Protein backbone atom coordinates (compact mmCIF):
# COMPACT_ATOMS: atom_id res chain seq x y z
CA MET A 1 87.49 66.76 -14.79
CA GLU A 2 90.40 64.78 -16.19
CA HIS A 3 92.43 67.98 -16.30
CA LEU A 4 91.68 68.64 -12.60
CA ARG A 5 92.65 65.09 -11.63
CA ARG A 6 96.02 65.38 -13.42
CA TRP A 7 96.62 68.74 -11.81
CA LEU A 8 95.99 67.26 -8.34
CA MET A 9 98.30 64.31 -9.00
CA VAL A 10 101.11 66.63 -10.11
CA GLY A 11 100.57 68.80 -7.01
CA VAL A 12 100.66 65.84 -4.62
CA ALA A 13 103.82 64.48 -6.27
CA ALA A 14 105.50 67.87 -5.93
CA VAL A 15 104.58 68.08 -2.24
CA LEU A 16 105.86 64.56 -1.63
CA ALA A 17 109.13 65.38 -3.39
CA VAL A 18 109.63 68.42 -1.16
CA VAL A 19 108.88 66.38 2.00
CA VAL A 20 111.26 63.57 1.00
CA ALA A 21 113.99 66.07 0.13
CA ALA A 22 113.52 67.82 3.47
CA MET A 23 113.67 64.52 5.33
CA GLY A 24 116.88 63.67 3.51
CA THR A 25 118.58 66.80 4.85
CA GLN A 26 117.56 66.16 8.46
CA PRO A 27 120.25 64.53 10.66
CA THR A 28 119.49 61.02 11.83
CA LEU A 29 119.17 60.10 15.50
CA ALA A 30 122.62 58.48 15.39
CA GLU A 31 124.12 61.60 13.80
CA ASN A 32 122.49 63.79 16.46
CA SER A 33 123.86 61.57 19.24
CA LYS A 34 127.35 61.60 17.73
CA HIS A 35 127.30 65.39 17.36
CA LYS A 36 126.11 65.79 20.96
CA ALA A 37 128.87 63.47 22.24
CA GLU A 38 131.51 65.36 20.25
CA LYS A 39 130.32 68.69 21.65
CA GLN A 40 130.33 67.29 25.18
CA GLN A 41 133.86 65.90 24.76
CA GLN A 42 135.06 69.22 23.33
CA SER A 43 133.54 71.02 26.31
CA ILE A 44 135.32 68.68 28.75
CA GLU A 45 138.60 69.04 26.85
CA ASN A 46 138.34 72.84 26.84
CA SER A 47 137.51 73.03 30.56
CA VAL A 48 141.25 73.09 31.28
CA ASP A 49 143.64 75.81 30.14
CA TRP A 50 146.28 73.49 28.68
CA GLY A 51 148.50 76.41 27.77
CA GLN A 52 148.67 77.31 31.45
CA VAL A 53 149.33 73.69 32.42
CA SER A 54 152.25 73.62 29.97
CA SER A 55 153.52 76.97 31.22
CA ILE A 56 153.55 75.71 34.83
CA ILE A 57 155.35 72.46 33.94
CA GLY A 58 157.67 74.34 31.58
CA LYS A 59 157.07 71.99 28.64
CA SER A 60 154.33 71.96 26.02
CA GLY A 61 152.29 68.83 25.43
CA LYS A 62 149.95 67.40 22.83
CA MET A 63 146.31 66.36 22.90
CA GLN A 64 145.80 62.67 22.23
CA GLU A 65 142.63 60.72 21.54
CA GLY A 66 140.63 60.14 24.68
CA PRO A 67 141.00 63.05 25.26
CA VAL A 68 144.38 62.87 27.02
CA TYR A 69 146.86 65.72 27.31
CA GLU A 70 150.38 64.25 27.25
CA ILE A 71 153.66 65.90 28.19
CA ASP A 72 156.87 63.98 27.39
CA LEU A 73 160.02 64.44 29.48
CA PRO A 74 163.01 62.59 27.96
CA ARG A 75 166.34 62.76 29.78
CA THR A 76 168.12 64.53 26.94
CA ASP A 77 170.64 65.85 29.47
CA GLN A 78 172.08 62.33 29.82
CA THR A 79 174.05 60.11 27.45
CA ILE A 80 172.30 56.79 28.12
CA THR A 81 173.80 53.46 27.12
CA VAL A 82 172.20 50.04 27.56
CA GLN A 83 174.62 47.11 27.40
CA GLY A 84 176.96 49.30 25.36
CA THR A 85 174.29 50.59 22.94
CA ARG A 86 173.59 54.32 23.02
CA MET A 87 169.85 54.75 23.60
CA ASN A 88 167.72 57.59 22.30
CA PRO A 89 166.31 59.17 25.52
CA SER A 90 162.81 59.22 23.96
CA LEU A 91 162.87 55.42 23.78
CA ASP A 92 162.02 55.21 27.51
CA GLU A 93 161.14 58.65 28.84
CA GLY A 94 159.20 60.36 31.58
CA GLU A 95 155.58 61.19 30.74
CA ILE A 96 152.59 62.95 32.29
CA TYR A 97 149.01 62.13 31.26
CA PHE A 98 146.09 64.40 32.11
CA VAL A 99 142.57 63.04 31.51
CA PRO A 100 140.09 65.97 31.68
CA LEU A 101 136.84 65.38 33.57
CA GLY A 102 135.15 68.78 33.13
CA GLY A 103 135.11 71.85 35.34
CA GLY A 104 138.92 72.10 35.30
CA GLN A 105 139.27 68.70 37.01
CA VAL A 106 141.55 65.90 35.82
CA VAL A 107 142.80 62.43 36.62
CA MET A 108 146.57 62.44 36.24
CA HIS A 109 149.02 59.55 35.96
CA GLY A 110 152.68 59.80 35.07
CA GLU A 111 156.29 58.94 35.63
CA PHE A 112 159.60 60.78 35.89
CA ALA A 113 162.86 59.20 34.76
CA VAL A 114 165.28 60.23 37.48
CA LEU A 115 168.86 59.49 38.49
CA MET A 116 169.45 57.47 41.66
CA SER A 117 170.69 60.58 43.46
CA GLU A 118 167.50 62.48 42.53
CA VAL A 119 164.99 59.92 43.82
CA PRO A 120 164.68 61.03 47.49
CA GLY A 121 164.20 64.72 46.69
CA VAL A 122 161.69 64.16 43.88
CA GLU A 123 159.67 61.61 45.81
CA ALA A 124 159.50 63.74 48.97
CA ALA A 125 158.54 66.88 47.03
CA LEU A 126 155.72 65.08 45.20
CA ARG A 127 154.30 63.55 48.37
CA ASP A 128 154.53 66.85 50.25
CA SER A 129 152.59 68.46 47.41
CA GLY A 130 149.75 65.94 47.53
CA ILE A 131 150.81 63.63 44.69
CA GLU A 132 150.52 59.90 45.44
CA ILE A 133 153.52 57.69 44.69
CA ALA A 134 152.48 54.49 42.88
CA ALA A 135 155.82 52.83 42.09
CA ASP A 136 159.58 53.37 42.17
CA HIS A 137 161.67 50.99 40.04
CA HIS A 138 163.83 50.34 36.98
CA HIS A 139 162.63 49.60 33.43
CA LEU A 140 165.92 48.42 31.91
CA LEU A 141 168.99 46.44 32.97
CA ASN A 142 172.64 47.52 32.91
CA GLU A 143 171.94 51.02 31.63
CA GLN A 144 174.40 53.82 32.36
CA PRO A 145 173.64 56.03 34.14
CA GLN A 146 171.09 54.02 36.09
CA LEU A 147 167.58 55.47 35.81
CA VAL A 148 164.74 55.04 38.26
CA TYR A 149 161.16 55.48 37.03
CA LEU A 150 159.02 57.17 39.65
CA HIS A 151 155.29 56.65 38.99
CA PHE A 152 152.61 58.86 40.52
CA SER A 153 148.94 59.85 40.30
CA ALA A 154 146.40 62.43 41.47
CA ARG A 155 142.83 63.56 40.93
CA GLY A 156 141.71 67.17 41.28
CA ASP A 157 142.22 70.66 39.86
CA ALA A 158 144.49 70.52 36.80
CA LEU A 159 146.47 73.67 37.63
CA GLN A 160 147.03 72.68 41.26
CA ILE A 161 148.27 69.27 40.15
CA ALA A 162 150.56 70.88 37.55
CA ARG A 163 152.08 73.12 40.25
CA ALA A 164 152.65 70.10 42.50
CA LEU A 165 154.32 68.20 39.65
CA LYS A 166 156.57 71.17 38.95
CA VAL A 167 157.73 71.18 42.58
CA GLY A 168 158.75 67.53 42.22
CA LEU A 169 160.27 68.00 38.79
CA SER A 170 162.43 70.87 40.06
CA GLN A 171 164.24 68.40 42.33
CA SER A 172 165.75 66.73 39.26
CA ALA A 173 167.77 68.01 36.33
CA THR A 174 165.15 66.81 33.81
CA PRO A 175 165.20 69.27 30.86
CA THR A 176 161.99 71.02 29.87
CA THR A 177 163.39 72.70 26.75
CA GLU A 178 161.74 71.79 23.46
CA THR A 179 163.85 69.55 21.21
CA PRO A 180 163.26 69.49 17.44
CA ASP A 181 162.11 66.19 15.98
CA GLN A 182 164.91 65.01 13.69
CA THR A 183 163.62 61.52 12.98
CA ASN A 184 165.70 59.63 10.44
CA LEU A 185 164.65 56.00 10.10
CA ALA A 186 167.95 55.20 8.32
CA GLY A 187 166.63 52.40 6.14
CA LEU A 188 164.47 50.74 8.80
CA PRO A 189 162.01 48.46 6.90
CA THR A 190 158.87 50.06 8.33
CA SER A 191 156.45 48.46 5.85
CA GLN A 192 157.75 45.01 6.76
CA LEU A 193 157.53 45.84 10.45
CA ASP A 194 153.93 46.99 10.03
CA SER A 195 153.05 43.77 8.23
CA ILE A 196 154.65 41.62 10.94
CA ILE A 197 153.22 43.51 13.93
CA GLY A 198 149.80 43.84 12.28
CA ASP A 199 149.55 47.54 13.01
CA GLN A 200 150.83 50.83 11.58
CA GLY A 201 153.64 52.55 13.43
CA LYS A 202 154.57 56.20 13.32
CA ALA A 203 157.92 57.96 12.98
CA MET A 204 158.55 60.35 15.86
CA ASP A 205 161.33 61.59 18.13
CA GLY A 206 164.02 59.58 16.36
CA MET A 207 162.20 56.25 16.52
CA TYR A 208 159.42 54.17 14.95
CA GLN A 209 156.68 53.60 17.51
CA TYR A 210 153.64 51.33 17.83
CA SER A 211 150.80 52.18 20.21
CA ILE A 212 148.45 49.20 20.46
CA GLU A 213 145.23 49.27 22.50
CA ARG A 214 144.06 46.53 24.82
CA GLU A 215 140.57 45.18 24.22
CA ASP A 216 139.62 45.50 27.90
CA THR A 217 138.24 48.51 29.75
CA ILE A 218 140.74 49.70 32.38
CA SER A 219 139.46 51.86 35.24
CA ASP A 220 141.21 53.82 37.97
CA MET A 221 140.34 56.68 40.33
CA GLY A 222 136.68 56.44 39.39
CA ILE A 223 136.98 56.71 35.60
CA GLU A 224 137.56 54.59 32.52
CA LEU A 225 141.13 55.28 31.42
CA PRO A 226 141.65 56.15 27.75
CA SER A 227 144.28 53.94 26.10
CA ALA A 228 146.55 56.93 25.47
CA SER A 229 146.84 57.58 29.21
CA GLY A 230 149.45 54.86 29.67
CA VAL A 231 147.44 51.65 29.39
CA GLU A 232 148.41 50.61 25.86
CA VAL A 233 151.20 48.42 24.51
CA MET A 234 154.19 50.51 23.39
CA LEU A 235 156.85 49.14 21.00
CA ASN A 236 159.74 51.50 20.19
CA PHE A 237 162.25 50.82 17.40
CA GLN A 238 165.43 52.92 17.36
CA PRO A 239 167.19 52.68 13.97
CA MET A 240 170.81 51.58 14.13
CA GLY A 241 171.56 51.52 10.41
CA GLY A 242 170.26 49.21 7.72
CA ASN A 243 167.89 46.58 9.08
CA SER A 244 169.22 46.85 12.65
CA ALA A 245 167.41 48.38 15.60
CA ALA A 246 167.44 48.74 19.37
CA VAL A 247 163.96 47.94 20.62
CA THR A 248 162.28 48.49 23.96
CA GLY A 249 158.83 49.27 25.30
CA GLU A 250 156.17 48.07 27.69
CA MET A 251 153.19 45.76 27.68
CA PRO A 252 150.41 46.22 30.29
CA LEU A 253 149.27 42.67 31.01
CA LEU A 254 146.70 40.77 33.01
CA ALA A 255 148.14 38.27 35.50
CA SER A 256 147.17 35.37 33.24
CA GLU A 257 149.12 36.88 30.32
CA VAL A 258 152.44 37.56 32.10
CA ASN A 259 154.14 34.18 31.86
CA PRO A 260 152.96 33.30 28.33
CA VAL A 261 154.37 36.65 27.15
CA ILE A 262 157.67 36.07 28.98
CA SER A 263 157.96 32.65 27.34
CA ALA A 264 157.28 34.07 23.86
CA LEU A 265 159.82 36.87 24.28
CA GLU A 266 162.57 34.68 25.72
CA HIS A 267 162.00 32.04 23.04
CA ASN A 268 162.72 34.76 20.46
CA GLY A 269 165.83 36.15 22.14
CA ILE A 270 164.18 39.26 23.62
CA ALA A 271 165.24 40.03 27.19
CA VAL A 272 162.54 40.71 29.80
CA THR A 273 163.96 43.51 31.96
CA ALA A 274 161.14 44.23 34.43
CA VAL A 275 157.63 43.17 35.46
CA HIS A 276 155.80 45.40 37.93
CA ASN A 277 152.90 47.78 38.61
CA HIS A 278 152.56 51.39 37.42
CA MET A 279 149.37 52.21 39.35
CA LEU A 280 147.81 51.30 42.69
CA GLY A 281 144.08 50.80 42.23
CA GLU A 282 143.40 50.05 38.58
CA GLN A 283 140.82 47.42 37.64
CA PRO A 284 141.53 44.91 36.32
CA ARG A 285 145.03 44.75 37.81
CA LEU A 286 147.82 45.37 35.29
CA PHE A 287 151.43 44.20 35.33
CA TYR A 288 153.79 46.17 33.08
CA LEU A 289 156.38 44.07 31.31
CA HIS A 290 159.46 45.84 29.89
CA PHE A 291 161.90 44.36 27.39
CA TRP A 292 165.09 45.08 25.44
CA ALA A 293 166.61 43.71 22.24
CA THR A 294 169.12 44.74 19.59
CA GLY A 295 169.72 43.21 16.17
CA ASN A 296 167.74 42.47 13.04
CA ALA A 297 164.57 44.59 13.25
CA THR A 298 162.30 42.15 11.43
CA ASP A 299 163.43 39.22 13.59
CA ILE A 300 162.74 41.26 16.73
CA ALA A 301 159.33 42.26 15.33
CA LYS A 302 158.47 38.57 14.82
CA GLY A 303 159.34 37.89 18.46
CA LEU A 304 157.20 40.80 19.62
CA LYS A 305 154.33 39.56 17.46
CA ALA A 306 154.56 36.14 19.12
CA ALA A 307 154.23 37.91 22.47
CA LEU A 308 151.34 40.09 21.28
CA ASP A 309 149.48 36.94 20.27
CA GLN A 310 149.28 36.13 23.99
CA VAL A 311 147.67 39.50 24.83
CA ASN A 312 144.04 40.61 24.56
CA ILE A 313 144.72 43.49 22.18
CA LYS A 314 142.30 45.16 19.78
CA LYS A 315 142.43 43.69 16.34
CA SER A 316 143.13 46.29 13.63
């Protein structure tokens, strides 16, 4: 009898061990939900033939978190100077952002950097092709040649929108050839800059760039806009040798943040060069503040940090 009892206890323990082990290998509810969301996002991302979009535009892009497909269009055909400083064209360039919705549909926002003489032709071609114009303005002051940033948006079939954008783009001399990334930070103290800004930048296209998300949810054209679709703070440092840099960028701000940010920048010797809209119907309303500074990179970073402290950004 005792032998039978021990045998039963061993058997039950073995069964329990198998059950527990099996339970341990089963995905949790949270893991299942995450996997389902990832598959759904991948399906939405793959609903557009991005290779064809790039082929139509004439320039390849890159998939960013969101997902957002981004195509950059720097005016590398121009020698751009700002107050006597030669500016890397990637420091303030044209960009197109496609946010896939599924079924080949997208929400698109973007901007072209165009010469004054190109504005009428580009604007008319975009409007005639069904692209809405959202803004037409400068970002910098005293640059040569003078650039106008033409902002636009659309919602619909990705390939049709790409064809319409190409019609507008063809009215300017904006290059679509690929340019190799030859980033050389030339002694720029990136670790110090990261510590001051409170975020980690990345070396790309001849500059050191920060992309900093807002804490708020920004919506337009019926969707929540991913941060990488042009609603994040951008800080661009162009190395000028040693600890020096030319710095520009943009900060999308709520109305209540605009003047505190202007005060912080001006107090630290950073010029505010523009405040304006980039979109027409976003909620909450955003005002894009542009700036320019040259000099000691760490001093400029401290001034930018003082401005960032006035903005509802995500804490890293």
